[in-house]
């Protein structure tokens, strides 16, 4: 009990830039995982889309992306709310990075060719929690829908 009280007043260790970047990547990947799970049926096409988006955006190898996705799935399963992910996004992402994240979430939602109401609700919630303007949210949605219909 005393140890727990002392921990409240101690200064936490400083996080390295590498550790911070890993946590940011993990938060973004976890939000993509949450999007895929929102319709209660993450399929292989959504997983491939997540992997491709993460490889492209983060410049990671396929093996690094698979490890990141596995860790993100575990984090998403253990999370009690979106706050732990969206807080990191708000604290460290630029408005352009936030917009890219919302676009990626829409791409995952449309990957299986069907937009579920729960996927849409989750993306709207993340957009609101990360202060992405509604017009940008709609633009991202329409762009992802057009891309999904074209393929």
N, C-alpha and C. Protein backbone atom coordinates (compact mmCIF):
# COMPACT_ATOMS: atom_id res chain seq x y z
N UNK A 1 0.81 -1.19 0.00
CA UNK A 1 0.00 0.00 0.00
C UNK A 1 0.86 1.26 0.00
N UNK A 2 1.88 1.28 0.83
CA UNK A 2 2.76 2.44 0.91
C UNK A 2 3.53 2.59 -0.40
N UNK A 3 3.94 1.48 -0.99
CA UNK A 3 4.65 1.52 -2.27
C UNK A 3 3.76 2.15 -3.35
N UNK A 4 2.48 1.82 -3.35
CA UNK A 4 1.55 2.37 -4.32
C UNK A 4 1.38 3.88 -4.13
N UNK A 5 1.33 4.31 -2.88
CA UNK A 5 1.21 5.74 -2.60
C UNK A 5 2.48 6.49 -3.00
N UNK A 6 3.63 5.90 -2.73
CA UNK A 6 4.89 6.53 -3.13
C UNK A 6 4.99 6.66 -4.65
N UNK A 7 4.47 5.66 -5.36
CA UNK A 7 4.52 5.68 -6.82
C UNK A 7 3.74 6.86 -7.39
N UNK A 8 2.72 7.30 -6.69
CA UNK A 8 1.94 8.45 -7.17
C UNK A 8 2.75 9.73 -7.19
N UNK A 9 3.73 9.84 -6.32
CA UNK A 9 4.49 11.07 -6.19
C UNK A 9 5.87 11.02 -6.84
N UNK A 10 6.25 9.87 -7.32
CA UNK A 10 7.54 9.74 -7.98
C UNK A 10 7.43 10.17 -9.44
N UNK A 11 8.50 10.74 -9.93
CA UNK A 11 8.55 11.15 -11.34
C UNK A 11 8.81 9.91 -12.18
N UNK A 12 7.98 9.67 -13.21
CA UNK A 12 8.21 8.49 -14.04
C UNK A 12 9.48 8.64 -14.87
N UNK A 13 10.03 7.49 -15.25
CA UNK A 13 11.23 7.51 -16.08
C UNK A 13 10.92 8.15 -17.42
N UNK A 14 11.90 8.84 -17.97
CA UNK A 14 11.74 9.50 -19.27
C UNK A 14 11.74 8.44 -20.35
N UNK A 15 10.79 8.55 -21.25
CA UNK A 15 10.64 7.61 -22.35
C UNK A 15 11.55 8.02 -23.51
N UNK A 16 12.23 7.05 -24.11
CA UNK A 16 13.09 7.37 -25.25
C UNK A 16 12.24 7.65 -26.48
N UNK A 17 12.82 8.28 -27.46
CA UNK A 17 12.11 8.58 -28.71
C UNK A 17 11.68 7.29 -29.41
N UNK A 18 12.51 6.27 -29.36
CA UNK A 18 12.17 4.98 -29.96
C UNK A 18 10.96 4.35 -29.27
N UNK A 19 10.94 4.42 -27.95
CA UNK A 19 9.81 3.87 -27.20
C UNK A 19 8.52 4.63 -27.52
N UNK A 20 8.62 5.95 -27.60
CA UNK A 20 7.45 6.76 -27.93
C UNK A 20 6.94 6.43 -29.32
N UNK A 21 7.84 6.32 -30.29
CA UNK A 21 7.42 5.99 -31.66
C UNK A 21 6.74 4.63 -31.71
N UNK A 22 7.24 3.69 -30.95
CA UNK A 22 6.61 2.36 -30.91
C UNK A 22 5.20 2.46 -30.33
N UNK A 23 5.04 3.22 -29.25
CA UNK A 23 3.72 3.38 -28.64
C UNK A 23 2.75 4.07 -29.60
N UNK A 24 3.24 5.04 -30.36
CA UNK A 24 2.38 5.73 -31.33
C UNK A 24 1.96 4.79 -32.45
N UNK A 25 2.90 4.00 -32.95
CA UNK A 25 2.57 3.02 -33.99
C UNK A 25 1.57 2.00 -33.46
N UNK A 26 1.77 1.58 -32.23
CA UNK A 26 0.89 0.60 -31.61
C UNK A 26 -0.52 1.18 -31.42
N UNK A 27 -0.61 2.43 -31.04
CA UNK A 27 -1.92 3.06 -30.87
C UNK A 27 -2.66 3.15 -32.20
N UNK A 28 -1.95 3.56 -33.25
CA UNK A 28 -2.58 3.65 -34.58
C UNK A 28 -3.02 2.27 -35.06
N UNK A 29 -2.16 1.28 -34.88
CA UNK A 29 -2.51 -0.09 -35.30
C UNK A 29 -3.68 -0.62 -34.49
N UNK A 30 -3.73 -0.31 -33.20
CA UNK A 30 -4.83 -0.78 -32.37
C UNK A 30 -6.16 -0.16 -32.81
N UNK A 31 -6.13 1.09 -33.24
CA UNK A 31 -7.36 1.71 -33.73
C UNK A 31 -7.81 1.07 -35.05
N UNK A 32 -6.87 0.67 -35.87
CA UNK A 32 -7.22 -0.05 -37.10
C UNK A 32 -7.81 -1.42 -36.75
N UNK A 33 -7.23 -2.09 -35.78
CA UNK A 33 -7.75 -3.38 -35.33
C UNK A 33 -9.16 -3.22 -34.78
N UNK A 34 -9.37 -2.19 -33.99
CA UNK A 34 -10.71 -1.94 -33.45
C UNK A 34 -11.71 -1.70 -34.58
N UNK A 35 -11.29 -1.04 -35.63
CA UNK A 35 -12.17 -0.81 -36.78
C UNK A 35 -12.55 -2.13 -37.42
N UNK A 36 -11.57 -3.00 -37.62
CA UNK A 36 -11.85 -4.29 -38.23
C UNK A 36 -12.76 -5.15 -37.36
N UNK A 37 -12.63 -5.02 -36.06
CA UNK A 37 -13.43 -5.82 -35.13
C UNK A 37 -14.82 -5.25 -34.89
N UNK A 38 -15.03 -4.01 -35.25
CA UNK A 38 -16.28 -3.32 -34.90
C UNK A 38 -17.52 -4.02 -35.44
N UNK A 39 -17.38 -4.68 -36.59
CA UNK A 39 -18.55 -5.36 -37.17
C UNK A 39 -18.65 -6.81 -36.69
N UNK A 40 -17.88 -7.15 -35.68
CA UNK A 40 -17.87 -8.48 -35.06
C UNK A 40 -17.44 -9.57 -36.03
N UNK A 41 -16.65 -9.21 -37.03
CA UNK A 41 -16.21 -10.22 -37.98
C UNK A 41 -15.03 -9.75 -38.80
N UNK A 42 -13.88 -9.55 -38.19
CA UNK A 42 -12.69 -9.16 -38.94
C UNK A 42 -12.35 -10.27 -39.93
N UNK A 43 -12.23 -9.90 -41.20
CA UNK A 43 -11.93 -10.91 -42.21
C UNK A 43 -10.52 -10.72 -42.76
N UNK A 44 -10.13 -11.62 -43.62
CA UNK A 44 -8.77 -11.62 -44.16
C UNK A 44 -8.49 -10.37 -45.00
N UNK A 45 -9.49 -9.89 -45.73
CA UNK A 45 -9.29 -8.70 -46.56
C UNK A 45 -9.01 -7.47 -45.68
N UNK A 46 -9.70 -7.37 -44.57
CA UNK A 46 -9.44 -6.25 -43.66
C UNK A 46 -8.03 -6.36 -43.08
N UNK A 47 -7.62 -7.56 -42.75
CA UNK A 47 -6.26 -7.75 -42.21
C UNK A 47 -5.20 -7.39 -43.25
N UNK A 48 -5.42 -7.81 -44.49
CA UNK A 48 -4.46 -7.46 -45.56
C UNK A 48 -4.41 -5.94 -45.76
N UNK A 49 -5.56 -5.30 -45.68
CA UNK A 49 -5.61 -3.85 -45.84
C UNK A 49 -4.85 -3.17 -44.71
N UNK A 50 -5.07 -3.63 -43.48
CA UNK A 50 -4.34 -3.06 -42.34
C UNK A 50 -2.84 -3.22 -42.53
N UNK A 51 -2.42 -4.40 -42.92
CA UNK A 51 -0.99 -4.67 -43.10
C UNK A 51 -0.40 -3.77 -44.19
N UNK A 52 -1.11 -3.63 -45.30
CA UNK A 52 -0.61 -2.80 -46.39
C UNK A 52 -0.53 -1.33 -45.97
N UNK A 53 -1.54 -0.86 -45.26
CA UNK A 53 -1.54 0.53 -44.80
C UNK A 53 -0.38 0.80 -43.84
N UNK A 54 -0.16 -0.13 -42.92
CA UNK A 54 0.93 0.05 -41.95
C UNK A 54 2.30 -0.05 -42.61
N UNK A 55 2.45 -0.98 -43.55
CA UNK A 55 3.73 -1.08 -44.27
C UNK A 55 4.03 0.21 -45.00
N UNK A 56 3.03 0.73 -45.69
CA UNK A 56 3.22 1.94 -46.48
C UNK A 56 3.45 3.17 -45.60
N UNK A 57 2.60 3.36 -44.61
CA UNK A 57 2.68 4.57 -43.79
C UNK A 57 3.89 4.58 -42.87
N UNK A 58 4.23 3.43 -42.32
CA UNK A 58 5.30 3.38 -41.32
C UNK A 58 6.64 2.90 -41.88
N UNK A 59 6.63 2.51 -43.14
CA UNK A 59 7.86 2.02 -43.79
C UNK A 59 8.46 0.84 -43.02
N UNK A 60 7.59 -0.13 -42.73
CA UNK A 60 8.01 -1.33 -42.00
C UNK A 60 8.00 -2.53 -42.93
N UNK A 61 8.77 -3.54 -42.57
CA UNK A 61 8.76 -4.79 -43.32
C UNK A 61 7.49 -5.57 -42.99
N UNK A 62 7.22 -6.57 -43.79
CA UNK A 62 6.03 -7.40 -43.56
C UNK A 62 6.10 -8.10 -42.19
N UNK A 63 7.30 -8.54 -41.80
CA UNK A 63 7.46 -9.20 -40.51
C UNK A 63 7.22 -8.22 -39.36
N UNK A 64 7.73 -7.00 -39.50
CA UNK A 64 7.52 -5.99 -38.45
C UNK A 64 6.04 -5.63 -38.33
N UNK A 65 5.36 -5.57 -39.47
CA UNK A 65 3.93 -5.25 -39.45
C UNK A 65 3.14 -6.37 -38.78
N UNK A 66 3.47 -7.61 -39.07
CA UNK A 66 2.77 -8.74 -38.44
C UNK A 66 2.97 -8.73 -36.93
N UNK A 67 4.19 -8.44 -36.49
CA UNK A 67 4.45 -8.35 -35.05
C UNK A 67 3.69 -7.18 -34.43
N UNK A 68 3.65 -6.05 -35.13
CA UNK A 68 2.92 -4.89 -34.64
C UNK A 68 1.43 -5.18 -34.56
N UNK A 69 0.88 -5.83 -35.57
CA UNK A 69 -0.55 -6.17 -35.56
C UNK A 69 -0.89 -7.15 -34.45
N UNK A 70 -0.02 -8.12 -34.21
CA UNK A 70 -0.26 -9.08 -33.13
C UNK A 70 -0.28 -8.36 -31.78
N UNK A 71 0.66 -7.46 -31.60
CA UNK A 71 0.71 -6.70 -30.35
C UNK A 71 -0.49 -5.76 -30.25
N UNK A 72 -0.89 -5.16 -31.36
CA UNK A 72 -2.04 -4.25 -31.37
C UNK A 72 -3.34 -4.99 -31.06
N UNK A 73 -3.46 -6.20 -31.58
CA UNK A 73 -4.65 -7.01 -31.28
C UNK A 73 -4.73 -7.32 -29.79
N UNK A 74 -3.59 -7.61 -29.19
CA UNK A 74 -3.57 -7.88 -27.75
C UNK A 74 -3.91 -6.61 -26.97
N UNK A 75 -3.33 -5.47 -27.36
CA UNK A 75 -3.61 -4.21 -26.68
C UNK A 75 -5.09 -3.85 -26.80
N UNK A 76 -5.65 -4.04 -28.00
CA UNK A 76 -7.05 -3.71 -28.23
C UNK A 76 -7.96 -4.61 -27.39
N UNK A 77 -7.58 -5.86 -27.24
CA UNK A 77 -8.37 -6.79 -26.44
C UNK A 77 -8.35 -6.43 -24.96
N UNK A 78 -7.23 -5.91 -24.50
CA UNK A 78 -7.07 -5.57 -23.09
C UNK A 78 -7.58 -4.17 -22.74
N UNK A 79 -7.77 -3.33 -23.74
CA UNK A 79 -8.17 -1.94 -23.50
C UNK A 79 -9.60 -1.87 -22.98
N UNK A 80 -9.82 -0.93 -22.09
CA UNK A 80 -11.16 -0.73 -21.56
C UNK A 80 -11.90 0.39 -22.30
N UNK A 81 -11.16 1.21 -23.04
CA UNK A 81 -11.78 2.28 -23.81
C UNK A 81 -10.82 2.70 -24.92
N UNK A 82 -11.29 3.60 -25.76
CA UNK A 82 -10.45 4.14 -26.83
C UNK A 82 -9.50 5.22 -26.31
N UNK A 83 -9.75 5.70 -25.11
CA UNK A 83 -9.01 6.83 -24.57
C UNK A 83 -7.50 6.63 -24.59
N UNK A 84 -7.04 5.45 -24.20
CA UNK A 84 -5.59 5.25 -24.14
C UNK A 84 -4.93 5.39 -25.51
N UNK A 85 -5.67 5.09 -26.56
CA UNK A 85 -5.14 5.23 -27.92
C UNK A 85 -5.31 6.66 -28.43
N UNK A 86 -6.50 7.22 -28.23
CA UNK A 86 -6.76 8.56 -28.76
C UNK A 86 -5.99 9.63 -28.00
N UNK A 87 -5.68 9.39 -26.73
CA UNK A 87 -4.87 10.35 -25.98
C UNK A 87 -3.49 10.48 -26.61
N UNK A 88 -2.89 9.35 -26.95
CA UNK A 88 -1.58 9.38 -27.60
C UNK A 88 -1.65 10.10 -28.95
N UNK A 89 -2.70 9.81 -29.70
CA UNK A 89 -2.88 10.46 -31.00
C UNK A 89 -2.99 11.97 -30.81
N UNK A 90 -3.81 12.39 -29.86
CA UNK A 90 -3.98 13.83 -29.62
C UNK A 90 -2.70 14.50 -29.16
N UNK A 91 -1.95 13.82 -28.32
CA UNK A 91 -0.74 14.41 -27.77
C UNK A 91 0.41 14.50 -28.76
N UNK A 92 0.43 13.60 -29.76
CA UNK A 92 1.64 13.51 -30.59
C UNK A 92 1.42 13.58 -32.10
N UNK A 93 0.21 13.45 -32.58
CA UNK A 93 -0.04 13.48 -34.02
C UNK A 93 -0.36 14.90 -34.46
N UNK A 94 0.11 15.25 -35.63
CA UNK A 94 -0.27 16.53 -36.24
C UNK A 94 -1.68 16.39 -36.80
N UNK A 95 -2.34 17.51 -37.12
CA UNK A 95 -3.66 17.39 -37.75
C UNK A 95 -3.63 16.54 -39.03
N UNK A 96 -2.56 16.65 -39.81
CA UNK A 96 -2.45 15.84 -41.03
C UNK A 96 -2.34 14.35 -40.70
N UNK A 97 -1.59 14.01 -39.65
CA UNK A 97 -1.46 12.62 -39.23
C UNK A 97 -2.78 12.06 -38.72
N UNK A 98 -3.53 12.89 -38.00
CA UNK A 98 -4.85 12.47 -37.53
C UNK A 98 -5.77 12.19 -38.71
N UNK A 99 -5.72 13.05 -39.71
CA UNK A 99 -6.54 12.87 -40.91
C UNK A 99 -6.15 11.57 -41.62
N UNK A 100 -4.86 11.29 -41.72
CA UNK A 100 -4.40 10.05 -42.34
C UNK A 100 -4.90 8.83 -41.58
N UNK A 101 -4.92 8.92 -40.27
CA UNK A 101 -5.42 7.81 -39.45
C UNK A 101 -6.90 7.56 -39.72
N UNK A 102 -7.69 8.62 -39.78
CA UNK A 102 -9.12 8.47 -40.06
C UNK A 102 -9.32 7.89 -41.47
N UNK A 103 -8.53 8.33 -42.43
CA UNK A 103 -8.60 7.78 -43.79
C UNK A 103 -8.28 6.28 -43.78
N UNK A 104 -7.26 5.91 -43.03
CA UNK A 104 -6.87 4.49 -42.94
C UNK A 104 -7.98 3.67 -42.29
N UNK A 105 -8.61 4.23 -41.27
CA UNK A 105 -9.71 3.51 -40.61
C UNK A 105 -10.86 3.29 -41.60
N UNK A 106 -11.16 4.30 -42.41
CA UNK A 106 -12.21 4.13 -43.42
C UNK A 106 -11.82 3.06 -44.43
N UNK A 107 -10.57 3.03 -44.83
CA UNK A 107 -10.13 2.02 -45.80
C UNK A 107 -10.29 0.61 -45.23
N UNK A 108 -10.00 0.45 -43.95
CA UNK A 108 -10.19 -0.85 -43.31
C UNK A 108 -11.67 -1.19 -43.26
N UNK A 109 -12.50 -0.21 -42.91
CA UNK A 109 -13.94 -0.45 -42.81
C UNK A 109 -14.53 -0.87 -44.16
N UNK A 110 -14.05 -0.28 -45.23
CA UNK A 110 -14.57 -0.60 -46.57
C UNK A 110 -13.87 -1.78 -47.22
N UNK A 111 -12.83 -2.32 -46.60
CA UNK A 111 -12.01 -3.37 -47.22
C UNK A 111 -12.82 -4.60 -47.61
N UNK A 112 -13.83 -4.93 -46.81
CA UNK A 112 -14.63 -6.12 -47.12
C UNK A 112 -15.81 -5.80 -48.03
N UNK A 113 -15.87 -4.55 -48.53
CA UNK A 113 -16.92 -4.17 -49.47
C UNK A 113 -18.23 -3.79 -48.80
N UNK A 114 -18.26 -3.79 -47.48
CA UNK A 114 -19.49 -3.50 -46.76
C UNK A 114 -19.17 -2.64 -45.54
N UNK A 115 -19.89 -1.52 -45.42
CA UNK A 115 -19.70 -0.66 -44.26
C UNK A 115 -20.77 -0.98 -43.23
N UNK A 116 -20.32 -1.40 -42.06
CA UNK A 116 -21.22 -1.73 -40.97
C UNK A 116 -21.46 -0.48 -40.12
N UNK A 117 -22.64 -0.35 -39.54
CA UNK A 117 -22.97 0.81 -38.71
C UNK A 117 -22.04 0.94 -37.51
N UNK A 118 -21.55 -0.17 -37.00
CA UNK A 118 -20.65 -0.12 -35.86
C UNK A 118 -19.26 0.38 -36.26
N UNK A 119 -18.83 0.04 -37.47
CA UNK A 119 -17.56 0.58 -37.97
C UNK A 119 -17.67 2.09 -38.13
N UNK A 120 -18.77 2.52 -38.72
CA UNK A 120 -18.98 3.96 -38.92
C UNK A 120 -19.04 4.70 -37.58
N UNK A 121 -19.73 4.14 -36.62
CA UNK A 121 -19.84 4.77 -35.30
C UNK A 121 -18.47 4.87 -34.62
N UNK A 122 -17.68 3.83 -34.74
CA UNK A 122 -16.34 3.84 -34.13
C UNK A 122 -15.47 4.92 -34.77
N UNK A 123 -15.48 4.99 -36.09
CA UNK A 123 -14.65 5.99 -36.77
C UNK A 123 -15.11 7.40 -36.42
N UNK A 124 -16.42 7.60 -36.35
CA UNK A 124 -16.94 8.91 -35.96
C UNK A 124 -16.46 9.26 -34.55
N UNK A 125 -16.51 8.30 -33.64
CA UNK A 125 -16.08 8.54 -32.27
C UNK A 125 -14.59 8.89 -32.21
N UNK A 126 -13.77 8.16 -32.95
CA UNK A 126 -12.33 8.45 -32.96
C UNK A 126 -12.08 9.82 -33.58
N UNK A 127 -12.79 10.15 -34.65
CA UNK A 127 -12.63 11.47 -35.27
C UNK A 127 -12.98 12.58 -34.29
N UNK A 128 -14.05 12.39 -33.55
CA UNK A 128 -14.44 13.40 -32.56
C UNK A 128 -13.43 13.49 -31.42
N UNK A 129 -12.96 12.34 -30.95
CA UNK A 129 -12.00 12.34 -29.84
C UNK A 129 -10.64 12.91 -30.23
N UNK A 130 -10.33 12.86 -31.52
CA UNK A 130 -9.04 13.38 -31.99
C UNK A 130 -9.18 14.74 -32.68
N UNK A 131 -10.37 15.31 -32.60
CA UNK A 131 -10.63 16.64 -33.12
C UNK A 131 -10.40 16.78 -34.62
N UNK A 132 -10.75 15.74 -35.37
CA UNK A 132 -10.72 15.81 -36.82
C UNK A 132 -12.00 16.52 -37.25
N UNK A 133 -11.90 17.59 -38.04
CA UNK A 133 -13.10 18.31 -38.47
C UNK A 133 -14.07 17.39 -39.22
N UNK A 134 -15.36 17.65 -39.03
CA UNK A 134 -16.39 16.80 -39.64
C UNK A 134 -16.25 16.76 -41.16
N UNK A 135 -15.92 17.88 -41.77
CA UNK A 135 -15.77 17.91 -43.22
C UNK A 135 -14.66 16.96 -43.67
N UNK A 136 -13.57 16.90 -42.92
CA UNK A 136 -12.47 15.98 -43.26
C UNK A 136 -12.88 14.53 -43.04
N UNK A 137 -13.66 14.29 -42.00
CA UNK A 137 -14.20 12.96 -41.72
C UNK A 137 -15.05 12.48 -42.91
N UNK A 138 -15.93 13.34 -43.40
CA UNK A 138 -16.80 12.99 -44.53
C UNK A 138 -15.99 12.80 -45.80
N UNK A 139 -15.02 13.68 -46.06
CA UNK A 139 -14.16 13.54 -47.24
C UNK A 139 -13.42 12.21 -47.22
N UNK A 140 -12.92 11.82 -46.07
CA UNK A 140 -12.21 10.55 -45.94
C UNK A 140 -13.16 9.38 -46.19
N UNK A 141 -14.36 9.48 -45.67
CA UNK A 141 -15.36 8.42 -45.86
C UNK A 141 -15.69 8.25 -47.34
N UNK A 142 -15.98 9.35 -48.01
CA UNK A 142 -16.33 9.29 -49.43
C UNK A 142 -15.16 8.80 -50.29
N UNK A 143 -13.96 9.22 -49.95
CA UNK A 143 -12.79 8.76 -50.69
C UNK A 143 -12.57 7.26 -50.57
N UNK A 144 -12.73 6.75 -49.36
CA UNK A 144 -12.57 5.31 -49.15
C UNK A 144 -13.68 4.53 -49.83
N UNK A 145 -14.89 5.08 -49.82
CA UNK A 145 -16.01 4.41 -50.48
C UNK A 145 -15.80 4.35 -52.00
N UNK A 146 -15.34 5.45 -52.58
CA UNK A 146 -15.07 5.45 -54.02
C UNK A 146 -13.97 4.47 -54.37
N UNK A 147 -12.93 4.42 -53.56
CA UNK A 147 -11.84 3.47 -53.81
C UNK A 147 -12.32 2.03 -53.71
N UNK A 148 -13.18 1.76 -52.73
CA UNK A 148 -13.71 0.40 -52.55
C UNK A 148 -14.61 0.02 -53.71
N UNK A 149 -15.41 0.96 -54.20
CA UNK A 149 -16.31 0.67 -55.33
C UNK A 149 -15.55 0.51 -56.63
N UNK A 150 -14.40 1.18 -56.76
CA UNK A 150 -13.60 1.10 -57.98
C UNK A 150 -12.87 -0.25 -58.08
N UNK A 151 -12.62 -0.87 -56.93
CA UNK A 151 -11.86 -2.13 -56.97
C UNK A 151 -12.74 -3.35 -56.95
